[in-house]
Amino acid sequence: MTEEAQRVFDAIDALEGISDPRERALAVGEVLKALPDRNKRLKELRQGAVNELLARDGASLRSVGADLGLSFSTVQDISKGYSGSGRSRPKKAVEPPPA
């Protein structure tokens, strides 16, 4: 785990160490309230980083996936900003059969 990621998790773990239950509840509440916006920012940050990797000469979905330990389809999803299940993704246009 990267040092930066570990510091984030250490800070979250430190919430458990707040002995006063009122203070602990308030602190956890502050974090939970801010998480949706922070989660969106983290997804955008990761998407930007993945797109930077894909923009490098010779980069491919597979090579970036191998570098990050992800499947090429996950890299593609991140690059396009998709998250969650496939149900939330735009559907391909269905062309009518030739007459």
N, C-alpha and C. Protein backbone atom coordinates (compact mmCIF):
# COMPACT_ATOMS: atom_id res chain seq x y z
N MET A 1 0.85 -1.17 0.00
CA MET A 1 0.00 0.00 0.00
C MET A 1 0.90 1.24 0.00
N THR A 2 0.50 2.24 -0.76
CA THR A 2 1.29 3.47 -0.80
C THR A 2 1.24 4.18 0.55
N GLU A 3 2.25 5.00 0.80
CA GLU A 3 2.31 5.74 2.05
C GLU A 3 1.11 6.68 2.19
N GLU A 4 0.72 7.32 1.10
CA GLU A 4 -0.40 8.26 1.14
C GLU A 4 -1.71 7.54 1.49
N ALA A 5 -1.93 6.39 0.86
CA ALA A 5 -3.14 5.63 1.15
C ALA A 5 -3.14 5.15 2.60
N GLN A 6 -1.98 4.71 3.08
CA GLN A 6 -1.89 4.25 4.47
C GLN A 6 -2.23 5.36 5.44
N ARG A 7 -1.79 6.59 5.14
CA ARG A 7 -2.10 7.72 6.03
C ARG A 7 -3.60 7.97 6.10
N VAL A 8 -4.29 7.82 4.98
CA VAL A 8 -5.75 7.99 4.97
C VAL A 8 -6.39 6.94 5.87
N PHE A 9 -5.98 5.70 5.72
CA PHE A 9 -6.56 4.64 6.54
C PHE A 9 -6.19 4.78 8.01
N ASP A 10 -4.98 5.25 8.28
CA ASP A 10 -4.59 5.49 9.67
C ASP A 10 -5.47 6.57 10.30
N ALA A 11 -5.79 7.60 9.52
CA ALA A 11 -6.65 8.67 10.04
C ALA A 11 -8.05 8.15 10.34
N ILE A 12 -8.55 7.30 9.47
CA ILE A 12 -9.88 6.70 9.72
C ILE A 12 -9.82 5.82 10.95
N ASP A 13 -8.76 5.00 11.06
CA ASP A 13 -8.62 4.14 12.23
C ASP A 13 -8.50 4.95 13.51
N ALA A 14 -7.91 6.13 13.43
CA ALA A 14 -7.75 6.98 14.62
C ALA A 14 -9.10 7.42 15.19
N LEU A 15 -10.12 7.43 14.37
CA LEU A 15 -11.45 7.80 14.87
C LEU A 15 -11.90 6.83 15.97
N GLU A 16 -11.50 5.57 15.84
CA GLU A 16 -11.85 4.58 16.86
C GLU A 16 -11.20 4.89 18.20
N GLY A 17 -10.10 5.62 18.16
CA GLY A 17 -9.37 5.92 19.38
C GLY A 17 -9.90 7.11 20.16
N ILE A 18 -10.91 7.77 19.64
CA ILE A 18 -11.50 8.90 20.36
C ILE A 18 -12.31 8.33 21.51
N SER A 19 -11.88 8.58 22.73
CA SER A 19 -12.51 7.93 23.89
C SER A 19 -13.89 8.49 24.20
N ASP A 20 -14.09 9.77 24.02
CA ASP A 20 -15.39 10.37 24.34
C ASP A 20 -16.38 10.00 23.23
N PRO A 21 -17.47 9.30 23.57
CA PRO A 21 -18.40 8.85 22.54
C PRO A 21 -19.05 10.00 21.77
N ARG A 22 -19.29 11.12 22.44
CA ARG A 22 -19.88 12.26 21.75
C ARG A 22 -18.91 12.79 20.70
N GLU A 23 -17.67 12.99 21.10
CA GLU A 23 -16.66 13.49 20.18
C GLU A 23 -16.43 12.50 19.03
N ARG A 24 -16.43 11.20 19.36
CA ARG A 24 -16.24 10.17 18.34
C ARG A 24 -17.39 10.21 17.34
N ALA A 25 -18.62 10.31 17.85
CA ALA A 25 -19.80 10.37 16.97
C ALA A 25 -19.75 11.60 16.08
N LEU A 26 -19.37 12.75 16.65
CA LEU A 26 -19.28 13.97 15.86
C LEU A 26 -18.21 13.86 14.77
N ALA A 27 -17.06 13.34 15.13
CA ALA A 27 -15.97 13.21 14.17
C ALA A 27 -16.33 12.24 13.04
N VAL A 28 -16.90 11.10 13.41
CA VAL A 28 -17.29 10.13 12.39
C VAL A 28 -18.39 10.72 11.51
N GLY A 29 -19.31 11.45 12.10
CA GLY A 29 -20.37 12.10 11.33
C GLY A 29 -19.82 13.09 10.32
N GLU A 30 -18.81 13.85 10.72
CA GLU A 30 -18.18 14.80 9.79
C GLU A 30 -17.58 14.07 8.60
N VAL A 31 -16.90 12.97 8.88
CA VAL A 31 -16.28 12.21 7.80
C VAL A 31 -17.35 11.62 6.88
N LEU A 32 -18.37 11.01 7.46
CA LEU A 32 -19.42 10.40 6.65
C LEU A 32 -20.14 11.44 5.79
N LYS A 33 -20.35 12.62 6.35
CA LYS A 33 -21.04 13.68 5.60
C LYS A 33 -20.22 14.12 4.38
N ALA A 34 -18.91 14.16 4.53
CA ALA A 34 -18.04 14.61 3.44
C ALA A 34 -17.68 13.51 2.44
N LEU A 35 -17.93 12.25 2.79
CA LEU A 35 -17.48 11.15 1.93
C LEU A 35 -18.05 11.16 0.52
N PRO A 36 -19.35 11.41 0.32
CA PRO A 36 -19.84 11.37 -1.06
C PRO A 36 -19.09 12.32 -2.00
N ASP A 37 -18.85 13.56 -1.55
CA ASP A 37 -18.12 14.50 -2.40
C ASP A 37 -16.67 14.06 -2.58
N ARG A 38 -16.06 13.58 -1.52
CA ARG A 38 -14.67 13.13 -1.60
C ARG A 38 -14.55 11.90 -2.49
N ASN A 39 -15.54 11.01 -2.40
CA ASN A 39 -15.53 9.80 -3.22
C ASN A 39 -15.58 10.19 -4.70
N LYS A 40 -16.42 11.16 -5.03
CA LYS A 40 -16.51 11.62 -6.42
C LYS A 40 -15.17 12.21 -6.86
N ARG A 41 -14.54 13.00 -5.99
CA ARG A 41 -13.25 13.60 -6.32
C ARG A 41 -12.18 12.52 -6.52
N LEU A 42 -12.21 11.48 -5.67
CA LEU A 42 -11.24 10.39 -5.81
C LEU A 42 -11.43 9.65 -7.13
N LYS A 43 -12.68 9.40 -7.52
CA LYS A 43 -12.93 8.72 -8.80
C LYS A 43 -12.42 9.57 -9.96
N GLU A 44 -12.66 10.89 -9.89
CA GLU A 44 -12.19 11.78 -10.95
C GLU A 44 -10.66 11.83 -10.98
N LEU A 45 -10.04 11.82 -9.82
CA LEU A 45 -8.58 11.83 -9.73
C LEU A 45 -8.00 10.56 -10.35
N ARG A 46 -8.62 9.41 -10.04
CA ARG A 46 -8.15 8.14 -10.62
C ARG A 46 -8.38 8.13 -12.13
N GLN A 47 -9.53 8.62 -12.58
CA GLN A 47 -9.81 8.66 -14.01
C GLN A 47 -8.77 9.50 -14.74
N GLY A 48 -8.44 10.65 -14.18
CA GLY A 48 -7.42 11.49 -14.81
C GLY A 48 -6.07 10.81 -14.88
N ALA A 49 -5.69 10.13 -13.81
CA ALA A 49 -4.40 9.43 -13.79
C ALA A 49 -4.39 8.30 -14.81
N VAL A 50 -5.47 7.54 -14.89
CA VAL A 50 -5.55 6.44 -15.87
C VAL A 50 -5.49 7.00 -17.29
N ASN A 51 -6.18 8.11 -17.53
CA ASN A 51 -6.15 8.70 -18.87
C ASN A 51 -4.75 9.23 -19.21
N GLU A 52 -4.03 9.74 -18.21
CA GLU A 52 -2.64 10.15 -18.45
C GLU A 52 -1.78 8.95 -18.84
N LEU A 53 -1.98 7.84 -18.15
CA LEU A 53 -1.22 6.63 -18.48
C LEU A 53 -1.56 6.15 -19.88
N LEU A 54 -2.84 6.21 -20.24
CA LEU A 54 -3.25 5.76 -21.58
C LEU A 54 -2.73 6.68 -22.68
N ALA A 55 -2.45 7.93 -22.36
CA ALA A 55 -1.98 8.89 -23.36
C ALA A 55 -0.49 8.71 -23.67
N ARG A 56 0.20 7.92 -22.90
CA ARG A 56 1.63 7.71 -23.15
C ARG A 56 1.84 6.91 -24.42
N ASP A 57 2.96 7.17 -25.07
CA ASP A 57 3.30 6.43 -26.30
C ASP A 57 3.33 4.93 -26.02
N GLY A 58 2.66 4.19 -26.87
CA GLY A 58 2.67 2.72 -26.77
C GLY A 58 1.74 2.15 -25.71
N ALA A 59 1.05 3.01 -24.98
CA ALA A 59 0.16 2.51 -23.93
C ALA A 59 -1.10 1.92 -24.54
N SER A 60 -1.62 0.90 -23.88
CA SER A 60 -2.88 0.28 -24.28
C SER A 60 -3.67 -0.03 -23.02
N LEU A 61 -4.92 -0.36 -23.21
CA LEU A 61 -5.75 -0.75 -22.07
C LEU A 61 -5.10 -1.93 -21.33
N ARG A 62 -4.57 -2.87 -22.10
CA ARG A 62 -3.96 -4.05 -21.48
C ARG A 62 -2.67 -3.70 -20.74
N SER A 63 -1.83 -2.85 -21.33
CA SER A 63 -0.56 -2.52 -20.67
C SER A 63 -0.80 -1.71 -19.39
N VAL A 64 -1.74 -0.78 -19.44
CA VAL A 64 -2.06 0.01 -18.24
C VAL A 64 -2.70 -0.90 -17.19
N GLY A 65 -3.57 -1.80 -17.64
CA GLY A 65 -4.18 -2.75 -16.71
C GLY A 65 -3.15 -3.62 -16.03
N ALA A 66 -2.18 -4.10 -16.79
CA ALA A 66 -1.12 -4.93 -16.20
C ALA A 66 -0.32 -4.13 -15.19
N ASP A 67 -0.04 -2.87 -15.50
CA ASP A 67 0.74 -2.01 -14.61
C ASP A 67 -0.02 -1.74 -13.30
N LEU A 68 -1.33 -1.60 -13.38
CA LEU A 68 -2.14 -1.28 -12.20
C LEU A 68 -2.76 -2.50 -11.53
N GLY A 69 -2.58 -3.67 -12.12
CA GLY A 69 -3.18 -4.88 -11.55
C GLY A 69 -4.68 -4.94 -11.78
N LEU A 70 -5.12 -4.40 -12.92
CA LEU A 70 -6.54 -4.36 -13.27
C LEU A 70 -6.75 -5.03 -14.62
N SER A 71 -7.97 -5.46 -14.87
CA SER A 71 -8.28 -6.00 -16.20
C SER A 71 -8.39 -4.84 -17.18
N PHE A 72 -8.21 -5.15 -18.47
CA PHE A 72 -8.30 -4.08 -19.47
C PHE A 72 -9.69 -3.47 -19.48
N SER A 73 -10.73 -4.28 -19.20
CA SER A 73 -12.09 -3.74 -19.20
C SER A 73 -12.32 -2.79 -18.03
N THR A 74 -11.68 -3.06 -16.89
CA THR A 74 -11.78 -2.14 -15.76
C THR A 74 -11.07 -0.83 -16.09
N VAL A 75 -9.92 -0.91 -16.73
CA VAL A 75 -9.21 0.30 -17.15
C VAL A 75 -10.08 1.11 -18.10
N GLN A 76 -10.72 0.44 -19.02
CA GLN A 76 -11.61 1.11 -19.97
C GLN A 76 -12.77 1.79 -19.23
N ASP A 77 -13.37 1.08 -18.28
CA ASP A 77 -14.47 1.65 -17.50
C ASP A 77 -14.02 2.90 -16.75
N ILE A 78 -12.86 2.82 -16.10
CA ILE A 78 -12.34 3.96 -15.34
C ILE A 78 -12.09 5.12 -16.30
N SER A 79 -11.48 4.84 -17.44
CA SER A 79 -11.16 5.88 -18.40
C SER A 79 -12.40 6.62 -18.89
N LYS A 80 -13.49 5.88 -19.06
CA LYS A 80 -14.73 6.48 -19.55
C LYS A 80 -15.60 7.04 -18.43
N GLY A 81 -15.17 6.84 -17.19
CA GLY A 81 -15.93 7.38 -16.06
C GLY A 81 -17.06 6.50 -15.59
N TYR A 82 -17.07 5.25 -16.02
CA TYR A 82 -18.11 4.32 -15.58
C TYR A 82 -17.76 3.77 -14.20
N SER A 83 -18.79 3.55 -13.41
CA SER A 83 -18.61 2.86 -12.14
C SER A 83 -19.88 2.11 -11.84
N GLY A 84 -19.79 1.18 -10.95
CA GLY A 84 -20.97 0.39 -10.60
C GLY A 84 -21.24 -0.67 -11.63
N SER A 85 -22.47 -1.12 -11.65
CA SER A 85 -22.84 -2.23 -12.53
C SER A 85 -23.02 -1.75 -13.97
N GLY A 86 -23.04 -2.69 -14.87
CA GLY A 86 -23.26 -2.39 -16.28
C GLY A 86 -24.62 -1.79 -16.56
N ARG A 87 -25.54 -1.94 -15.63
CA ARG A 87 -26.89 -1.39 -15.85
C ARG A 87 -26.89 0.12 -15.92
N SER A 88 -25.88 0.77 -15.33
CA SER A 88 -25.85 2.23 -15.31
C SER A 88 -25.12 2.81 -16.52
N ARG A 89 -24.62 1.96 -17.40
CA ARG A 89 -23.87 2.43 -18.55
C ARG A 89 -24.81 2.71 -19.72
N PRO A 90 -24.41 3.66 -20.57
CA PRO A 90 -25.25 3.93 -21.72
C PRO A 90 -25.35 2.70 -22.63
N LYS A 91 -26.52 2.47 -23.13
CA LYS A 91 -26.75 1.33 -24.04
C LYS A 91 -26.29 1.70 -25.44
N LYS A 92 -25.80 0.71 -26.16
CA LYS A 92 -25.45 0.92 -27.55
C LYS A 92 -26.74 1.11 -28.35
N ALA A 93 -26.67 1.98 -29.32
CA ALA A 93 -27.82 2.19 -30.19
C ALA A 93 -28.06 0.93 -31.01
N VAL A 94 -29.29 0.50 -31.06
CA VAL A 94 -29.63 -0.69 -31.84
C VAL A 94 -30.08 -0.24 -33.22
N GLU A 95 -29.38 -0.73 -34.21
CA GLU A 95 -29.74 -0.37 -35.58
C GLU A 95 -30.80 -1.34 -36.10
N PRO A 96 -31.77 -0.82 -36.83
CA PRO A 96 -32.80 -1.71 -37.38
C PRO A 96 -32.18 -2.64 -38.40
N PRO A 97 -32.72 -3.85 -38.51
CA PRO A 97 -32.18 -4.81 -39.49
C PRO A 97 -32.36 -4.27 -40.91
N PRO A 98 -31.44 -4.63 -41.82
CA PRO A 98 -31.58 -4.16 -43.21
C PRO A 98 -32.85 -4.71 -43.84
N ALA A 99 -33.45 -3.89 -44.69
CA ALA A 99 -34.73 -4.28 -45.32
C ALA A 99 -34.52 -5.11 -46.53
